[in-house]
Amino acid sequence: MLAHLVSATIAGLDAVRVDVEVDLAPGLPSWAIVGLPEASVREAKERVRAAITNLS
């Protein structure tokens, strides 16, 4: 299943559009964040993992 989401982030004083594509498929559990050049953004994987773990 493929889902396409549109979101936004703040970059300085500007709002920047962020396109998110999600693909759910049967198989081994794994996930990847691609297309993120900055080190601070690469750390998002751990923040997302913590958020998913703490969902009620």
PDB file of N, CA and C in Angstrom:
ATOM      1  N   MET A   1       0.846  -1.167   0.000  1.00  0.00           N
ATOM      2  CA  MET A   1       0.000   0.000   0.000  1.00  0.00           C
ATOM      3  C   MET A   1       0.894   1.233   0.000  1.00  0.00           C
ATOM      4  N   LEU A   2       0.603   2.178  -0.869  1.00  0.00           N
ATOM      5  CA  LEU A   2       1.373   3.411  -0.969  1.00  0.00           C
ATOM      6  C   LEU A   2       0.504   4.577  -0.537  1.00  0.00           C
ATOM      7  N   ALA A   3       1.055   5.436   0.318  1.00  0.00           N
ATOM      8  CA  ALA A   3       0.358   6.657   0.737  1.00  0.00           C
ATOM      9  C   ALA A   3       1.262   7.841   0.461  1.00  0.00           C
ATOM     10  N   HIS A   4       0.682   8.940   0.019  1.00  0.00           N
ATOM     11  CA  HIS A   4       1.431  10.161  -0.255  1.00  0.00           C
ATOM     12  C   HIS A   4       0.843  11.262   0.618  1.00  0.00           C
ATOM     13  N   LEU A   5       1.688  11.869   1.461  1.00  0.00           N
ATOM     14  CA  LEU A   5       1.262  12.925   2.369  1.00  0.00           C
ATOM     15  C   LEU A   5       1.994  14.208   2.022  1.00  0.00           C
ATOM     16  N   VAL A   6       1.368  15.324   2.294  1.00  0.00           N
ATOM     17  CA  VAL A   6       2.009  16.621   2.119  1.00  0.00           C
ATOM     18  C   VAL A   6       2.026  17.295   3.478  1.00  0.00           C
ATOM     19  N   SER A   7       3.212  17.754   3.891  1.00  0.00           N
ATOM     20  CA  SER A   7       3.376  18.419   5.169  1.00  0.00           C
ATOM     21  C   SER A   7       4.212  19.669   4.939  1.00  0.00           C
ATOM     22  N   ALA A   8       4.657  20.290   6.018  1.00  0.00           N
ATOM     23  CA  ALA A   8       5.502  21.479   5.906  1.00  0.00           C
ATOM     24  C   ALA A   8       6.430  21.549   7.099  1.00  0.00           C
ATOM     25  N   THR A   9       7.518  22.262   6.928  1.00  0.00           N
ATOM     26  CA  THR A   9       8.458  22.511   8.004  1.00  0.00           C
ATOM     27  C   THR A   9       8.887  23.966   7.931  1.00  0.00           C
ATOM     28  N   ILE A  10       9.450  24.460   9.009  1.00  0.00           N
ATOM     29  CA  ILE A  10       9.922  25.838   9.052  1.00  0.00           C
ATOM     30  C   ILE A  10      11.423  25.842   8.800  1.00  0.00           C
ATOM     31  N   ALA A  11      11.851  26.668   7.847  1.00  0.00           N
ATOM     32  CA  ALA A  11      13.275  26.859   7.545  1.00  0.00           C
ATOM     33  C   ALA A  11      13.541  28.361   7.629  1.00  0.00           C
ATOM     34  N   GLY A  12      14.063  28.791   8.765  1.00  0.00           N
ATOM     35  CA  GLY A  12      14.243  30.226   8.971  1.00  0.00           C
ATOM     36  C   GLY A  12      12.877  30.878   9.131  1.00  0.00           C
ATOM     37  N   LEU A  13      12.558  31.810   8.244  1.00  0.00           N
ATOM     38  CA  LEU A  13      11.250  32.468   8.271  1.00  0.00           C
ATOM     39  C   LEU A  13      10.299  31.916   7.222  1.00  0.00           C
ATOM     40  N   ASP A  14      10.743  30.912   6.497  1.00  0.00           N
ATOM     41  CA  ASP A  14       9.954  30.364   5.398  1.00  0.00           C
ATOM     42  C   ASP A  14       9.351  29.014   5.765  1.00  0.00           C
ATOM     43  N   ALA A  15       8.181  28.760   5.226  1.00  0.00           N
ATOM     44  CA  ALA A  15       7.580  27.431   5.313  1.00  0.00           C
ATOM     45  C   ALA A  15       7.986  26.664   4.059  1.00  0.00           C
ATOM     46  N   VAL A  16       8.455  25.442   4.254  1.00  0.00           N
ATOM     47  CA  VAL A  16       8.921  24.617   3.142  1.00  0.00           C
ATOM     48  C   VAL A  16       8.036  23.381   3.046  1.00  0.00           C
ATOM     49  N   ARG A  17       7.556  23.099   1.847  1.00  0.00           N
ATOM     50  CA  ARG A  17       6.719  21.921   1.616  1.00  0.00           C
ATOM     51  C   ARG A  17       7.564  20.654   1.735  1.00  0.00           C
ATOM     52  N   VAL A  18       6.988  19.639   2.384  1.00  0.00           N
ATOM     53  CA  VAL A  18       7.640  18.344   2.535  1.00  0.00           C
ATOM     54  C   VAL A  18       6.690  17.283   1.997  1.00  0.00           C
ATOM     55  N   ASP A  19       7.140  16.519   1.010  1.00  0.00           N
ATOM     56  CA  ASP A  19       6.354  15.408   0.477  1.00  0.00           C
ATOM     57  C   ASP A  19       6.802  14.126   1.168  1.00  0.00           C
ATOM     58  N   VAL A  20       5.847  13.361   1.673  1.00  0.00           N
ATOM     59  CA  VAL A  20       6.139  12.116   2.381  1.00  0.00           C
ATOM     60  C   VAL A  20       5.467  10.977   1.632  1.00  0.00           C
ATOM     61  N   GLU A  21       6.229   9.945   1.308  1.00  0.00           N
ATOM     62  CA  GLU A  21       5.669   8.750   0.685  1.00  0.00           C
ATOM     63  C   GLU A  21       5.895   7.569   1.618  1.00  0.00           C
ATOM     64  N   VAL A  22       4.846   6.806   1.842  1.00  0.00           N
ATOM     65  CA  VAL A  22       4.902   5.663   2.750  1.00  0.00           C
ATOM     66  C   VAL A  22       4.451   4.431   1.989  1.00  0.00           C
ATOM     67  N   ASP A  23       5.221   3.357   2.100  1.00  0.00           N
ATOM     68  CA  ASP A  23       4.861   2.094   1.460  1.00  0.00           C
ATOM     69  C   ASP A  23       4.820   1.015   2.526  1.00  0.00           C
ATOM     70  N   LEU A  24       3.670   0.396   2.693  1.00  0.00           N
ATOM     71  CA  LEU A  24       3.517  -0.714   3.634  1.00  0.00           C
ATOM     72  C   LEU A  24       3.430  -1.998   2.833  1.00  0.00           C
ATOM     73  N   ALA A  25       4.282  -2.957   3.185  1.00  0.00           N
ATOM     74  CA  ALA A  25       4.299  -4.222   2.465  1.00  0.00           C
ATOM     75  C   ALA A  25       4.595  -5.347   3.454  1.00  0.00           C
ATOM     76  N   PRO A  26       4.087  -6.539   3.185  1.00  0.00           N
ATOM     77  CA  PRO A  26       4.396  -7.672   4.052  1.00  0.00           C
ATOM     78  C   PRO A  26       5.873  -8.035   3.944  1.00  0.00           C
ATOM     79  N   GLY A  27       6.412  -8.559   5.018  1.00  0.00           N
ATOM     80  CA  GLY A  27       7.813  -8.963   5.019  1.00  0.00           C
ATOM     81  C   GLY A  27       8.459  -8.634   6.349  1.00  0.00           C
ATOM     82  N   LEU A  28       9.766  -8.597   6.356  1.00  0.00           N
ATOM     83  CA  LEU A  28      10.504  -8.287   7.572  1.00  0.00           C
ATOM     84  C   LEU A  28      10.295  -6.824   7.947  1.00  0.00           C
ATOM     85  N   PRO A  29      10.152  -6.543   9.251  1.00  0.00           N
ATOM     86  CA  PRO A  29       9.944  -5.153   9.660  1.00  0.00           C
ATOM     87  C   PRO A  29      11.224  -4.326   9.489  1.00  0.00           C
ATOM     88  N   SER A  30      11.116  -3.252   8.761  1.00  0.00           N
ATOM     89  CA  SER A  30      12.235  -2.318   8.605  1.00  0.00           C
ATOM     90  C   SER A  30      11.685  -1.010   8.071  1.00  0.00           C
ATOM     91  N   TRP A  31      12.481   0.061   8.188  1.00  0.00           N
ATOM     92  CA  TRP A  31      12.086   1.331   7.610  1.00  0.00           C
ATOM     93  C   TRP A  31      13.317   2.177   7.375  1.00  0.00           C
ATOM     94  N   ALA A  32      13.185   3.126   6.464  1.00  0.00           N
ATOM     95  CA  ALA A  32      14.313   3.980   6.093  1.00  0.00           C
ATOM     96  C   ALA A  32      13.817   5.392   5.830  1.00  0.00           C
ATOM     97  N   ILE A  33      14.637   6.352   6.193  1.00  0.00           N
ATOM     98  CA  ILE A  33      14.387   7.751   5.870  1.00  0.00           C
ATOM     99  C   ILE A  33      15.426   8.124   4.825  1.00  0.00           C
ATOM    100  N   VAL A  34      14.989   8.610   3.676  1.00  0.00           N
ATOM    101  CA  VAL A  34      15.918   8.936   2.594  1.00  0.00           C
ATOM    102  C   VAL A  34      15.753  10.389   2.183  1.00  0.00           C
ATOM    103  N   GLY A  35      16.801  10.935   1.582  1.00  0.00           N
ATOM    104  CA  GLY A  35      16.740  12.287   1.057  1.00  0.00           C
ATOM    105  C   GLY A  35      16.964  13.370   2.087  1.00  0.00           C
ATOM    106  N   LEU A  36      17.605  13.047   3.200  1.00  0.00           N
ATOM    107  CA  LEU A  36      17.820  14.025   4.259  1.00  0.00           C
ATOM    108  C   LEU A  36      19.317  14.309   4.418  1.00  0.00           C
ATOM    109  N   PRO A  37      19.798  15.476   3.996  1.00  0.00           N
ATOM    110  CA  PRO A  37      21.231  15.730   3.986  1.00  0.00           C
ATOM    111  C   PRO A  37      21.835  16.152   5.327  1.00  0.00           C
ATOM    112  N   GLU A  38      21.084  16.802   6.196  1.00  0.00           N
ATOM    113  CA  GLU A  38      21.663  17.360   7.411  1.00  0.00           C
ATOM    114  C   GLU A  38      21.728  16.325   8.532  1.00  0.00           C
ATOM    115  N   ALA A  39      22.785  16.425   9.354  1.00  0.00           N
ATOM    116  CA  ALA A  39      22.955  15.478  10.456  1.00  0.00           C
ATOM    117  C   ALA A  39      21.801  15.573  11.449  1.00  0.00           C
ATOM    118  N   SER A  40      21.326  16.774  11.730  1.00  0.00           N
ATOM    119  CA  SER A  40      20.227  16.928  12.687  1.00  0.00           C
ATOM    120  C   SER A  40      18.954  16.260  12.186  1.00  0.00           C
ATOM    121  N   VAL A  41      18.759  16.245  10.884  1.00  0.00           N
ATOM    122  CA  VAL A  41      17.568  15.617  10.322  1.00  0.00           C
ATOM    123  C   VAL A  41      17.739  14.105  10.282  1.00  0.00           C
ATOM    124  N   ARG A  42      18.962  13.639  10.091  1.00  0.00           N
ATOM    125  CA  ARG A  42      19.203  12.192  10.090  1.00  0.00           C
ATOM    126  C   ARG A  42      18.868  11.574  11.444  1.00  0.00           C
ATOM    127  N   GLU A  43      18.955  12.377  12.508  1.00  0.00           N
ATOM    128  CA  GLU A  43      18.607  11.884  13.841  1.00  0.00           C
ATOM    129  C   GLU A  43      17.102  11.681  13.998  1.00  0.00           C
ATOM    130  N   ALA A  44      16.334  12.120  13.021  1.00  0.00           N
ATOM    131  CA  ALA A  44      14.879  11.983  13.086  1.00  0.00           C
ATOM    132  C   ALA A  44      14.462  10.527  13.195  1.00  0.00           C
ATOM    133  N   LYS A  45      15.256   9.618  12.661  1.00  0.00           N
ATOM    134  CA  LYS A  45      14.901   8.200  12.718  1.00  0.00           C
ATOM    135  C   LYS A  45      14.728   7.745  14.163  1.00  0.00           C
ATOM    136  N   GLU A  46      15.603   8.170  15.054  1.00  0.00           N
ATOM    137  CA  GLU A  46      15.485   7.788  16.462  1.00  0.00           C
ATOM    138  C   GLU A  46      14.281   8.459  17.111  1.00  0.00           C
ATOM    139  N   ARG A  47      14.000   9.707  16.755  1.00  0.00           N
ATOM    140  CA  ARG A  47      12.832  10.398  17.310  1.00  0.00           C
ATOM    141  C   ARG A  47      11.541   9.734  16.844  1.00  0.00           C
ATOM    142  N   VAL A  48      11.496   9.339  15.582  1.00  0.00           N
ATOM    143  CA  VAL A  48      10.302   8.668  15.057  1.00  0.00           C
ATOM    144  C   VAL A  48      10.135   7.307  15.718  1.00  0.00           C
ATOM    145  N   ARG A  49      11.228   6.581  15.885  1.00  0.00           N
ATOM    146  CA  ARG A  49      11.156   5.268  16.546  1.00  0.00           C
ATOM    147  C   ARG A  49      10.616   5.418  17.968  1.00  0.00           C
ATOM    148  N   ALA A  50      11.086   6.426  18.709  1.00  0.00           N
ATOM    149  CA  ALA A  50      10.605   6.652  20.072  1.00  0.00           C
ATOM    150  C   ALA A  50       9.121   7.016  20.073  1.00  0.00           C
ATOM    151  N   ALA A  51       8.701   7.827  19.114  1.00  0.00           N
ATOM    152  CA  ALA A  51       7.287   8.208  19.038  1.00  0.00           C
ATOM    153  C   ALA A  51       6.404   7.000  18.756  1.00  0.00           C
ATOM    154  N   ILE A  52       6.839   6.141  17.845  1.00  0.00           N
ATOM    155  CA  ILE A  52       6.056   4.943  17.520  1.00  0.00           C
ATOM    156  C   ILE A  52       6.005   4.000  18.715  1.00  0.00           C
ATOM    157  N   THR A  53       7.114   3.856  19.421  1.00  0.00           N
ATOM    158  CA  THR A  53       7.166   2.982  20.589  1.00  0.00           C
ATOM    159  C   THR A  53       6.209   3.455  21.677  1.00  0.00           C
ATOM    160  N   ASN A  54       6.049   4.771  21.817  1.00  0.00           N
ATOM    161  CA  ASN A  54       5.229   5.327  22.893  1.00  0.00           C
ATOM    162  C   ASN A  54       3.782   5.602  22.501  1.00  0.00           C
ATOM    163  N   LEU A  55       3.357   5.142  21.330  1.00  0.00           N
ATOM    164  CA  LEU A  55       1.953   5.297  20.949  1.00  0.00           C
ATOM    165  C   LEU A  55       1.066   4.474  21.871  1.00  0.00           C
ATOM    166  N   SER A  56      -0.066   5.009  22.213  1.00  0.00           N
ATOM    167  CA  SER A  56      -1.002   4.274  23.079  1.00  0.00           C
ATOM    168  C   SER A  56      -1.866   3.359  22.249  1.00  0.00           C
TER     169      SER A  56
END
